[in-house]
C-alpha atoms as a PDB file:
ATOM      1  CA  MET A   1      86.526  76.828 122.285  1.00  0.00           C
ATOM      2  CA  SER A   2      84.826  79.141 120.053  1.00  0.00           C
ATOM      3  CA  VAL A   3      85.625  82.980 120.189  1.00  0.00           C
ATOM      4  CA  GLY A   4      83.520  85.259 118.156  1.00  0.00           C
ATOM      5  CA  GLY A   5      83.095  82.700 115.140  1.00  0.00           C
ATOM      6  CA  PHE A   6      86.375  81.265 115.871  1.00  0.00           C
ATOM      7  CA  ASP A   7      87.541  78.131 117.054  1.00  0.00           C
ATOM      8  CA  ALA A   8      90.394  79.217 119.581  1.00  0.00           C
ATOM      9  CA  GLU A   9      92.115  75.770 119.178  1.00  0.00           C
ATOM     10  CA  ARG A  10      92.590  76.387 115.490  1.00  0.00           C
ATOM     11  CA  LEU A  11      94.046  79.844 115.581  1.00  0.00           C
ATOM     12  CA  SER A  12      97.396  80.391 113.588  1.00  0.00           C
ATOM     13  CA  VAL A  13      99.736  83.208 113.649  1.00  0.00           C
ATOM     14  CA  GLY A  14      98.756  85.320 110.666  1.00  0.00           C
ATOM     15  CA  ASP A  15      95.011  84.735 110.872  1.00  0.00           C
ATOM     16  CA  ILE A  16      93.249  87.839 110.323  1.00  0.00           C
ATOM     17  CA  VAL A  17      90.392  87.828 112.921  1.00  0.00           C
ATOM     18  CA  ALA A  18      88.464  90.969 112.100  1.00  0.00           C
ATOM     19  CA  GLU A  19      88.183  93.694 109.608  1.00  0.00           C
ATOM     20  CA  GLN A  20      86.859  96.985 109.931  1.00  0.00           C
ATOM     21  CA  SER A  21      86.337 100.259 108.450  1.00  0.00           C
ATOM     22  CA  TYR A  22      85.093 103.564 110.364  1.00  0.00           C
ATOM     23  CA  HIS A  23      84.143 107.063 108.856  1.00  0.00           C
ATOM     24  CA  LEU A  24      84.548 110.195 110.538  1.00  0.00           C
ATOM     25  CA  THR A  25      83.197 113.223 109.762  1.00  0.00           C
ATOM     26  CA  ARG A  26      83.457 116.727 111.988  1.00  0.00           C
ATOM     27  CA  ASP A  27      80.330 115.617 113.778  1.00  0.00           C
ATOM     28  CA  SER A  28      81.927 112.642 115.098  1.00  0.00           C
ATOM     29  CA  LEU A  29      84.780 114.769 116.394  1.00  0.00           C
ATOM     30  CA  VAL A  30      82.578 117.143 118.194  1.00  0.00           C
ATOM     31  CA  ARG A  31      80.663 114.535 119.729  1.00  0.00           C
ATOM     32  CA  TYR A  32      83.968 112.721 120.764  1.00  0.00           C
ATOM     33  CA  ALA A  33      84.962 116.187 122.073  1.00  0.00           C
ATOM     34  CA  GLY A  34      81.836 116.513 124.415  1.00  0.00           C
ATOM     35  CA  ALA A  35      81.911 112.852 125.402  1.00  0.00           C
ATOM     36  CA  SER A  36      85.635 113.090 125.926  1.00  0.00           C
ATOM     37  CA  GLY A  37      85.904 116.784 127.405  1.00  0.00           C
ATOM     38  CA  ASP A  38      88.727 117.407 125.093  1.00  0.00           C
ATOM     39  CA  PHE A  39      87.687 120.754 123.604  1.00  0.00           C
ATOM     40  CA  ASN A  40      91.061 121.224 121.877  1.00  0.00           C
ATOM     41  CA  PRO A  41      89.889 123.334 118.889  1.00  0.00           C
ATOM     42  CA  ILE A  42      92.448 121.496 116.346  1.00  0.00           C
ATOM     43  CA  HIS A  43      89.901 118.831 116.340  1.00  0.00           C
ATOM     44  CA  TYR A  44      87.358 120.998 114.953  1.00  0.00           C
ATOM     45  CA  ARG A  45      88.021 124.436 113.811  1.00  0.00           C
ATOM     46  CA  ASP A  46      90.317 124.549 110.529  1.00  0.00           C
ATOM     47  CA  ASP A  47      91.595 127.708 111.492  1.00  0.00           C
ATOM     48  CA  ALA A  48      92.916 126.753 115.108  1.00  0.00           C
ATOM     49  CA  ALA A  49      94.710 123.394 113.600  1.00  0.00           C
ATOM     50  CA  THR A  50      96.326 125.595 110.572  1.00  0.00           C
ATOM     51  CA  SER A  51      97.559 128.312 112.940  1.00  0.00           C
ATOM     52  CA  VAL A  52      99.465 125.646 114.605  1.00  0.00           C
ATOM     53  CA  GLY A  53     100.980 124.307 111.634  1.00  0.00           C
ATOM     54  CA  LEU A  54      98.984 121.601 111.098  1.00  0.00           C
ATOM     55  CA  ALA A  55      97.266 120.468 107.512  1.00  0.00           C
ATOM     56  CA  GLY A  56      93.952 120.503 108.858  1.00  0.00           C
ATOM     57  CA  VAL A  57      91.396 119.142 111.717  1.00  0.00           C
ATOM     58  CA  LEU A  58      92.895 116.106 112.881  1.00  0.00           C
ATOM     59  CA  ALA A  59      90.901 113.024 114.972  1.00  0.00           C
ATOM     60  CA  HIS A  60      91.566 112.811 118.552  1.00  0.00           C
ATOM     61  CA  GLY A  61      94.241 110.402 119.384  1.00  0.00           C
ATOM     62  CA  MET A  62      91.910 108.420 121.751  1.00  0.00           C
ATOM     63  CA  LEU A  63      89.157 108.366 119.748  1.00  0.00           C
ATOM     64  CA  THR A  64      91.432 106.586 116.575  1.00  0.00           C
ATOM     65  CA  MET A  65      92.805 104.310 119.581  1.00  0.00           C
ATOM     66  CA  GLY A  66      89.353 103.301 120.939  1.00  0.00           C
ATOM     67  CA  PHE A  67      88.088 102.503 117.500  1.00  0.00           C
ATOM     68  CA  ALA A  68      90.705 100.707 116.392  1.00  0.00           C
ATOM     69  CA  VAL A  69      90.395  97.983 119.168  1.00  0.00           C
ATOM     70  CA  GLN A  70      86.552  97.409 118.701  1.00  0.00           C
ATOM     71  CA  PRO A  71      86.710  94.982 115.975  1.00  0.00           C
ATOM     72  CA  VAL A  72      89.001  92.815 118.439  1.00  0.00           C
ATOM     73  CA  ILE A  73      86.537  92.939 121.211  1.00  0.00           C
ATOM     74  CA  ASP A  74      83.568  92.445 118.580  1.00  0.00           C
ATOM     75  CA  TRP A  75      85.243  89.063 117.516  1.00  0.00           C
ATOM     76  CA  LEU A  76      85.687  88.182 121.437  1.00  0.00           C
ATOM     77  CA  GLY A  77      82.121  88.334 121.146  1.00  0.00           C
ATOM     78  CA  GLY A  78      81.840  91.849 123.025  1.00  0.00           C
ATOM     79  CA  ASP A  79      83.727  90.790 125.997  1.00  0.00           C
ATOM     80  CA  SER A  80      85.916  93.538 126.573  1.00  0.00           C
ATOM     81  CA  GLY A  81      87.313  91.987 130.199  1.00  0.00           C
ATOM     82  CA  LYS A  82      89.091  89.215 127.735  1.00  0.00           C
ATOM     83  CA  VAL A  83      91.391  92.376 126.549  1.00  0.00           C
ATOM     84  CA  LEU A  84      94.442  92.134 128.978  1.00  0.00           C
ATOM     85  CA  ASP A  85      96.761  94.624 127.545  1.00  0.00           C
ATOM     86  CA  TYR A  86      96.143  97.275 124.688  1.00  0.00           C
ATOM     87  CA  GLN A  87      99.204  99.812 123.455  1.00  0.00           C
ATOM     88  CA  VAL A  88      99.806 101.820 120.301  1.00  0.00           C
ATOM     89  CA  ARG A  89     102.044 104.481 119.335  1.00  0.00           C
ATOM     90  CA  PHE A  90     100.651 107.429 117.453  1.00  0.00           C
ATOM     91  CA  THR A  91     102.554 107.817 113.975  1.00  0.00           C
ATOM     92  CA  ARG A  92     100.682 110.004 111.953  1.00  0.00           C
ATOM     93  CA  PRO A  93      97.238 112.329 112.287  1.00  0.00           C
ATOM     94  CA  VAL A  94      93.929 111.146 110.868  1.00  0.00           C
ATOM     95  CA  PHE A  95      92.733 114.209 109.344  1.00  0.00           C
ATOM     96  CA  VAL A  96      89.204 115.017 109.008  1.00  0.00           C
ATOM     97  CA  ASP A  97      88.240 117.044 105.992  1.00  0.00           C
ATOM     98  CA  ALA A  98      85.014 119.275 106.599  1.00  0.00           C
ATOM     99  CA  GLU A  99      83.017 117.733 103.738  1.00  0.00           C
ATOM    100  CA  ALA A 100      84.323 113.963 102.562  1.00  0.00           C
ATOM    101  CA  GLY A 101      85.003 113.021 106.272  1.00  0.00           C
ATOM    102  CA  ALA A 102      87.833 110.463 106.797  1.00  0.00           C
ATOM    103  CA  ASP A 103      88.011 106.602 106.523  1.00  0.00           C
ATOM    104  CA  VAL A 104      90.096 104.457 108.750  1.00  0.00           C
ATOM    105  CA  ASN A 105      90.512 101.040 108.193  1.00  0.00           C
ATOM    106  CA  VAL A 106      91.599  98.325 111.217  1.00  0.00           C
ATOM    107  CA  VAL A 107      93.099  94.757 110.107  1.00  0.00           C
ATOM    108  CA  ALA A 108      93.326  92.492 113.249  1.00  0.00           C
ATOM    109  CA  LYS A 109      95.661  89.540 112.927  1.00  0.00           C
ATOM    110  CA  VAL A 110      97.209  87.154 115.098  1.00  0.00           C
ATOM    111  CA  GLY A 111     100.790  88.152 116.338  1.00  0.00           C
ATOM    112  CA  VAL A 112     101.400  85.442 118.829  1.00  0.00           C
ATOM    113  CA  LEU A 113      99.626  82.263 120.724  1.00  0.00           C
ATOM    114  CA  ASP A 114     100.813  81.137 124.037  1.00  0.00           C
ATOM    115  CA  GLN A 115      99.419  79.628 126.712  1.00  0.00           C
ATOM    116  CA  ALA A 116      98.043  83.172 128.181  1.00  0.00           C
ATOM    117  CA  GLY A 117      96.148  83.855 124.975  1.00  0.00           C
ATOM    118  CA  ALA A 118      97.151  85.760 122.354  1.00  0.00           C
ATOM    119  CA  ARG A 119      98.477  88.862 120.800  1.00  0.00           C
ATOM    120  CA  ILE A 120      96.543  90.715 118.250  1.00  0.00           C
ATOM    121  CA  ASP A 121      98.369  92.947 116.282  1.00  0.00           C
ATOM    122  CA  LEU A 122      96.371  95.544 114.667  1.00  0.00           C
ATOM    123  CA  THR A 123      97.245  97.438 111.402  1.00  0.00           C
ATOM    124  CA  VAL A 124      95.454 100.953 111.465  1.00  0.00           C
ATOM    125  CA  THR A 125      95.321 102.883 108.458  1.00  0.00           C
ATOM    126  CA  PHE A 126      94.465 106.259 106.742  1.00  0.00           C
ATOM    127  CA  ARG A 127      95.169 107.223 103.167  1.00  0.00           C
ATOM    128  CA  ASP A 128      96.921 103.557 102.955  1.00  0.00           C
ATOM    129  CA  GLU A 129      99.119 104.880 105.444  1.00  0.00           C
ATOM    130  CA  THR A 130      99.683 103.336 109.131  1.00  0.00           C
ATOM    131  CA  VAL A 131      98.473 105.939 111.687  1.00  0.00           C
ATOM    132  CA  LEU A 132      99.213 103.545 114.801  1.00  0.00           C
ATOM    133  CA  GLY A 133     102.307 101.986 115.129  1.00  0.00           C
ATOM    134  CA  LYS A 134     102.948  98.594 117.274  1.00  0.00           C
ATOM    135  CA  ALA A 135      99.276  98.532 117.950  1.00  0.00           C
ATOM    136  CA  GLN A 136      99.131  95.562 120.076  1.00  0.00           C
ATOM    137  CA  VAL A 137      95.970  93.747 121.999  1.00  0.00           C
ATOM    138  CA  ARG A 138      96.773  90.879 124.555  1.00  0.00           C
ATOM    139  CA  VAL A 139      93.722  88.889 124.694  1.00  0.00           C
ATOM    140  CA  ALA A 140      92.638  85.954 127.031  1.00  0.00           C
ATOM    141  CA  LEU A 141      91.128  83.252 124.974  1.00  0.00           C
ATOM    142  CA  ALA A 142      89.869  80.696 127.644  1.00  0.00           C
END
């Protein structure tokens, strides 16, 4: 069986199944705020972010969590119905500079293969530091 260009029967634990980088801008954050309804000003105003002790404006956690799983969905051929479970632990914020933005990198690797499918482990980094811990996606392969 082929999944997103990979033969599911030839998958092995440790295989990298997807990699993607995302560039966030302040515009990205404002658009996400509009779509999600989360207009907390720490996500788009420096003064609000620093007034609560943050180093600057940070990306919404759910935005980070959402785009982190997207490479797995793409690998599955765009079939989000094959995602059985998705969990993360937020470990560090993604600060989005007003001019430079922020680059977040995602690597999806097979962690477990079993009769139910696979557990895909995500490594999500910003500035070479992990921002989502224990990020795992359970997927059906058949």
